[in-house]
């Protein structure tokens, strides 16, 4: 569980897996609108579920969709604690 969503940088810190998401997803990182954001800024709570709000600078190419699916799968496998 990630408790310090206010401090952990979504793309640059090692908070999920063994490397930063910017390294693991080098094609998605530069087209993200949230390259400097912390986790708390890239989602919101709906009831007791964290919903990711990923935004992009431009439309993604079809071949990038697989990478985005992998990122979403990884993100949804991580539990976040409400109120932390």
Protein backbone atom coordinates (compact mmCIF):
# COMPACT_ATOMS: atom_id res chain seq x y z
CA UNK A 1 0.00 0.00 0.00
CA UNK A 2 1.15 3.50 -0.76
CA UNK A 3 0.38 5.80 2.12
CA UNK A 4 2.29 8.97 1.25
CA UNK A 5 0.44 9.94 -1.92
CA UNK A 6 1.20 13.61 -1.19
CA UNK A 7 4.96 13.04 -1.45
CA UNK A 8 5.49 10.14 -3.87
CA UNK A 9 6.10 11.25 -7.45
CA UNK A 10 3.97 9.14 -9.77
CA UNK A 11 6.48 8.79 -12.62
CA UNK A 12 9.85 9.36 -10.91
CA UNK A 13 9.76 7.46 -7.58
CA UNK A 14 9.99 3.70 -7.09
CA UNK A 15 6.58 3.12 -5.57
CA UNK A 16 5.30 0.24 -7.68
CA UNK A 17 7.66 -2.41 -8.95
CA UNK A 18 11.43 -2.22 -8.89
CA UNK A 19 11.89 0.87 -11.05
CA UNK A 20 10.20 4.23 -11.65
CA UNK A 21 7.29 4.20 -14.08
CA UNK A 22 9.18 6.68 -16.28
CA UNK A 23 11.80 3.97 -16.88
CA UNK A 24 9.34 1.10 -17.19
CA UNK A 25 7.10 3.01 -19.64
CA UNK A 26 9.47 5.31 -21.57
CA UNK A 27 7.01 5.85 -24.44
CA UNK A 28 4.15 6.94 -22.16
CA UNK A 29 6.18 9.14 -19.82
CA UNK A 30 6.94 12.01 -22.26
CA UNK A 31 3.32 12.23 -23.46
CA UNK A 32 1.90 12.36 -19.94
CA UNK A 33 0.54 15.68 -18.71
CA UNK A 34 1.54 14.74 -15.17
CA UNK A 35 5.28 14.07 -15.42
CA UNK A 36 5.99 16.07 -12.24
CA UNK A 37 2.87 15.12 -10.29
CA UNK A 38 2.60 13.18 -7.06
CA UNK A 39 0.19 10.25 -6.80
CA UNK A 40 -2.49 12.30 -5.04
CA UNK A 41 -2.76 14.63 -8.06
CA UNK A 42 -3.41 11.82 -10.55
CA UNK A 43 -6.58 10.31 -9.19
CA UNK A 44 -9.54 10.63 -6.90
CA UNK A 45 -11.70 8.56 -4.58
CA UNK A 46 -15.10 7.24 -5.58
CA UNK A 47 -16.62 5.60 -2.51
CA UNK A 48 -13.72 3.44 -1.28
CA UNK A 49 -12.04 2.98 -4.66
CA UNK A 50 -9.16 4.99 -6.09
CA UNK A 51 -9.77 6.03 -9.71
CA UNK A 52 -6.73 7.01 -11.77
CA UNK A 53 -7.06 10.18 -13.87
CA UNK A 54 -4.28 9.77 -16.41
CA UNK A 55 -4.13 12.57 -18.96
CA UNK A 56 -2.04 12.80 -22.09
CA UNK A 57 -0.55 15.66 -24.13
CA UNK A 58 -1.76 14.15 -27.38
CA UNK A 59 -3.66 11.23 -28.80
CA UNK A 60 -1.83 7.95 -28.37
CA UNK A 61 -0.95 5.85 -31.38
CA UNK A 62 -2.73 2.50 -31.62
CA UNK A 63 0.49 0.61 -30.90
CA UNK A 64 0.85 2.53 -27.62
CA UNK A 65 -2.49 1.19 -26.37
CA UNK A 66 -0.83 -2.05 -25.23
CA UNK A 67 1.61 -0.11 -23.06
CA UNK A 68 -1.22 1.96 -21.60
CA UNK A 69 -3.13 -1.25 -20.81
CA UNK A 70 -0.05 -2.65 -19.05
CA UNK A 71 0.28 0.55 -17.02
CA UNK A 72 -3.40 0.47 -16.02
CA UNK A 73 -3.17 -3.20 -15.06
CA UNK A 74 -0.14 -2.46 -12.89
CA UNK A 75 -1.81 0.56 -11.27
CA UNK A 76 -5.02 -1.33 -10.54
CA UNK A 77 -3.03 -4.11 -8.87
CA UNK A 78 -1.79 -1.64 -6.24
CA UNK A 79 -3.89 -0.89 -3.15
CA UNK A 80 -4.08 2.67 -1.95
CA UNK A 81 -5.22 3.62 1.55
CA UNK A 82 -7.88 6.26 1.89
CA UNK A 83 -6.88 9.15 4.16
CA UNK A 84 -3.12 8.51 3.96
